[in-house]
């Protein structure tokens, strides 16, 4: 539906989740984003930020993971190493709730020179995220790439109207408000 808007160049479904990544004694919390690599690439242009490996090394059912540079450094891992991802959505058993654990292989490392992402973001394949975080066949949302990023607020408003109340449309000017104000002042 959103792809039909004249401003939309590309779309990428995603799952947003939180998890703990562990390797030996190292433990780090991370935002885990389930993606379809070929779609994500069209929206976010991750390719040029890859320091090791490639985004399309993420294949469904193979449990590969791509980490930000600082996150990889904190865990002491590089491409080819394994990490354990702990999902907070546990399994209920007679002994209580047991967290779901899954071993992932690091298939890439990215650096976007933005500390929050480089230290706190992990990318996995959408199918693996749906399985691990028990999403069934739904997603958290769809990211859009626009012809003109300054039209984002208008496009979000248009889509909110056409998609109805069960869909929440947010745009980058909300998430990066300080940057947006600075750019407006510059203009």
Protein backbone atom coordinates (compact mmCIF):
# COMPACT_ATOMS: atom_id res chain seq x y z
CA UNK A 1 0.00 0.00 0.00
CA UNK A 2 2.68 2.52 1.06
CA UNK A 3 4.74 1.68 -2.05
CA UNK A 4 2.07 3.30 -4.23
CA UNK A 5 2.71 6.80 -2.82
CA UNK A 6 4.45 8.94 -5.47
CA UNK A 7 7.25 9.90 -3.04
CA UNK A 8 8.19 6.31 -2.14
CA UNK A 9 11.24 4.88 -3.96
CA UNK A 10 11.70 1.67 -1.97
CA UNK A 11 10.24 -0.24 1.00
CA UNK A 12 11.78 -2.62 3.51
CA UNK A 13 9.86 -4.67 6.10
CA UNK A 14 11.57 -5.11 9.47
CA UNK A 15 11.21 -6.52 12.95
CA UNK A 16 12.44 -4.55 15.95
CA UNK A 17 13.34 -6.49 19.08
CA UNK A 18 15.68 -6.32 22.04
CA UNK A 19 18.16 -9.01 22.95
CA UNK A 20 21.29 -9.82 24.90
CA UNK A 21 24.38 -10.93 23.02
CA UNK A 22 26.92 -13.04 24.86
CA UNK A 23 30.34 -14.40 24.04
CA UNK A 24 32.36 -15.92 26.90
CA UNK A 25 32.13 -13.47 29.80
CA UNK A 26 31.08 -10.53 27.60
CA UNK A 27 27.38 -9.58 27.63
CA UNK A 28 25.86 -6.67 25.69
CA UNK A 29 22.29 -5.53 25.22
CA UNK A 30 21.40 -4.69 21.63
CA UNK A 31 18.58 -3.57 19.41
CA UNK A 32 18.05 -6.51 17.08
CA UNK A 33 16.58 -5.69 13.68
CA UNK A 34 15.24 -8.48 11.50
CA UNK A 35 15.60 -7.50 7.84
CA UNK A 36 15.36 -8.73 4.27
CA UNK A 37 18.88 -7.85 3.08
CA UNK A 38 18.00 -6.96 -0.52
CA UNK A 39 15.14 -4.67 0.59
CA UNK A 40 17.11 -3.10 3.45
CA UNK A 41 19.96 -2.32 1.07
CA UNK A 42 17.64 -0.33 -1.20
CA UNK A 43 16.32 1.72 1.74
CA UNK A 44 19.37 2.10 4.00
CA UNK A 45 22.40 1.67 1.71
CA UNK A 46 24.26 -0.44 4.28
CA UNK A 47 26.62 -1.85 1.66
CA UNK A 48 29.09 1.02 1.72
CA UNK A 49 29.29 0.87 5.53
CA UNK A 50 30.26 -2.80 5.73
CA UNK A 51 33.74 -3.24 7.21
CA UNK A 52 33.64 -7.06 6.91
CA UNK A 53 31.31 -9.39 5.06
CA UNK A 54 28.14 -8.34 3.28
CA UNK A 55 24.53 -7.77 4.23
CA UNK A 56 23.37 -10.49 1.84
CA UNK A 57 25.39 -13.02 3.88
CA UNK A 58 22.23 -13.05 6.05
CA UNK A 59 20.29 -16.04 4.76
CA UNK A 60 17.02 -17.40 6.18
CA UNK A 61 17.46 -20.33 8.55
CA UNK A 62 21.25 -19.94 8.78
CA UNK A 63 21.20 -17.69 11.88
CA UNK A 64 23.83 -15.27 10.68
CA UNK A 65 24.23 -11.89 12.39
CA UNK A 66 25.77 -8.57 11.34
CA UNK A 67 27.10 -6.40 14.20
CA UNK A 68 28.09 -2.76 14.55
CA UNK A 69 31.86 -2.25 14.92
CA UNK A 70 31.73 -1.19 18.58
CA UNK A 71 29.37 -4.02 19.49
CA UNK A 72 31.68 -6.55 17.80
CA UNK A 73 34.67 -5.07 19.62
CA UNK A 74 32.90 -5.17 23.01
CA UNK A 75 32.08 -8.85 22.47
CA UNK A 76 35.56 -9.59 21.11
CA UNK A 77 34.28 -11.11 17.87
CA UNK A 78 34.82 -10.78 14.15
CA UNK A 79 33.35 -12.43 11.05
CA UNK A 80 33.26 -16.22 11.44
CA UNK A 81 32.92 -16.16 15.25
CA UNK A 82 29.78 -17.20 17.06
CA UNK A 83 27.69 -15.31 19.62
CA UNK A 84 24.64 -16.36 21.61
CA UNK A 85 21.52 -14.21 21.28
CA UNK A 86 19.18 -14.31 24.28
CA UNK A 87 15.60 -13.33 23.46
CA UNK A 88 13.53 -11.95 26.34
CA UNK A 89 10.39 -13.71 25.02
CA UNK A 90 10.97 -16.86 27.02
CA UNK A 91 9.42 -20.29 26.90
CA UNK A 92 7.01 -21.01 29.74
CA UNK A 93 7.87 -24.31 31.44
CA UNK A 94 6.88 -25.93 34.76
CA UNK A 95 10.17 -24.57 36.15
CA UNK A 96 9.26 -21.00 35.17
CA UNK A 97 10.10 -18.89 32.15
CA UNK A 98 13.28 -19.95 30.38
CA UNK A 99 14.79 -17.39 28.02
CA UNK A 100 15.18 -18.46 24.41
CA UNK A 101 18.82 -18.83 23.37
CA UNK A 102 20.15 -19.21 19.86
CA UNK A 103 23.69 -19.37 18.58
CA UNK A 104 24.40 -17.01 15.68
CA UNK A 105 27.45 -16.77 13.41
CA UNK A 106 28.88 -13.31 12.78
CA UNK A 107 28.71 -12.89 8.98
CA UNK A 108 29.50 -9.17 8.82
CA UNK A 109 30.49 -6.02 10.69
CA UNK A 110 29.32 -2.51 9.80
CA UNK A 111 30.40 0.95 10.90
CA UNK A 112 28.21 3.99 10.20
CA UNK A 113 30.24 6.29 12.49
CA UNK A 114 27.23 6.81 14.72
CA UNK A 115 27.96 5.47 18.20
CA UNK A 116 24.39 4.48 19.02
CA UNK A 117 24.17 2.21 15.95
CA UNK A 118 27.77 0.96 15.92
CA UNK A 119 27.57 -0.05 19.60
CA UNK A 120 23.98 -1.16 19.91
CA UNK A 121 22.58 -2.56 16.66
CA UNK A 122 22.60 -6.15 15.39
CA UNK A 123 21.00 -7.23 12.11
CA UNK A 124 19.60 -10.71 11.47
CA UNK A 125 17.43 -12.16 8.69
CA UNK A 126 13.73 -11.34 9.01
CA UNK A 127 12.77 -15.07 8.95
CA UNK A 128 15.19 -15.84 11.80
CA UNK A 129 13.82 -12.88 13.79
CA UNK A 130 10.22 -14.03 13.28
CA UNK A 131 11.16 -17.48 14.55
CA UNK A 132 13.29 -16.41 17.51
CA UNK A 133 11.04 -13.60 18.72
CA UNK A 134 7.82 -15.50 17.97
CA UNK A 135 6.39 -12.98 15.53
CA UNK A 136 4.67 -15.58 13.34
CA UNK A 137 4.43 -14.02 9.91
CA UNK A 138 3.97 -10.40 11.02
CA UNK A 139 6.52 -7.58 11.08
CA UNK A 140 7.06 -4.52 13.28
CA UNK A 141 6.83 -2.18 10.32
CA UNK A 142 8.05 -1.10 6.92
CA UNK A 143 10.78 1.47 6.33
CA UNK A 144 10.39 3.75 3.31
CA UNK A 145 12.94 5.52 1.15
CA UNK A 146 11.59 8.79 -0.27
CA UNK A 147 12.52 10.86 -3.30
CA UNK A 148 12.78 13.95 -1.08
CA UNK A 149 13.57 13.39 2.59
CA UNK A 150 12.09 16.80 3.48
CA UNK A 151 8.69 15.48 2.36
CA UNK A 152 8.81 12.84 5.12
CA UNK A 153 6.35 14.57 7.45
CA UNK A 154 3.80 15.08 4.66
CA UNK A 155 4.18 11.47 3.44
CA UNK A 156 3.72 10.16 7.00
CA UNK A 157 0.54 12.25 7.28
CA UNK A 158 -0.76 10.99 3.90
CA UNK A 159 -0.07 7.37 4.82
CA UNK A 160 -1.67 7.71 8.27
CA UNK A 161 -4.81 8.91 6.52
CA UNK A 162 -4.89 6.23 3.83
CA UNK A 163 -3.77 3.26 5.97
CA UNK A 164 -6.10 3.89 8.90
CA UNK A 165 -5.78 4.06 12.70
CA UNK A 166 -4.10 0.68 13.27
CA UNK A 167 -0.96 1.88 11.45
CA UNK A 168 1.42 4.35 13.08
CA UNK A 169 3.52 6.42 10.69
CA UNK A 170 6.64 8.07 12.13
CA UNK A 171 9.28 9.98 10.20
CA UNK A 172 12.95 10.81 10.73
CA UNK A 173 12.21 14.40 11.80
CA UNK A 174 10.73 12.96 15.03
CA UNK A 175 13.61 10.56 15.73
CA UNK A 176 16.32 13.08 14.84
CA UNK A 177 14.60 16.28 15.92
CA UNK A 178 17.79 18.21 16.82
CA UNK A 179 19.38 17.45 13.46
CA UNK A 180 16.17 18.42 11.64
CA UNK A 181 16.01 21.78 13.50
CA UNK A 182 19.66 22.45 12.65
CA UNK A 183 19.01 21.71 8.98
CA UNK A 184 15.93 23.95 8.96
CA UNK A 185 17.96 26.81 10.47
CA UNK A 186 20.69 26.26 7.84
CA UNK A 187 18.11 26.38 5.04
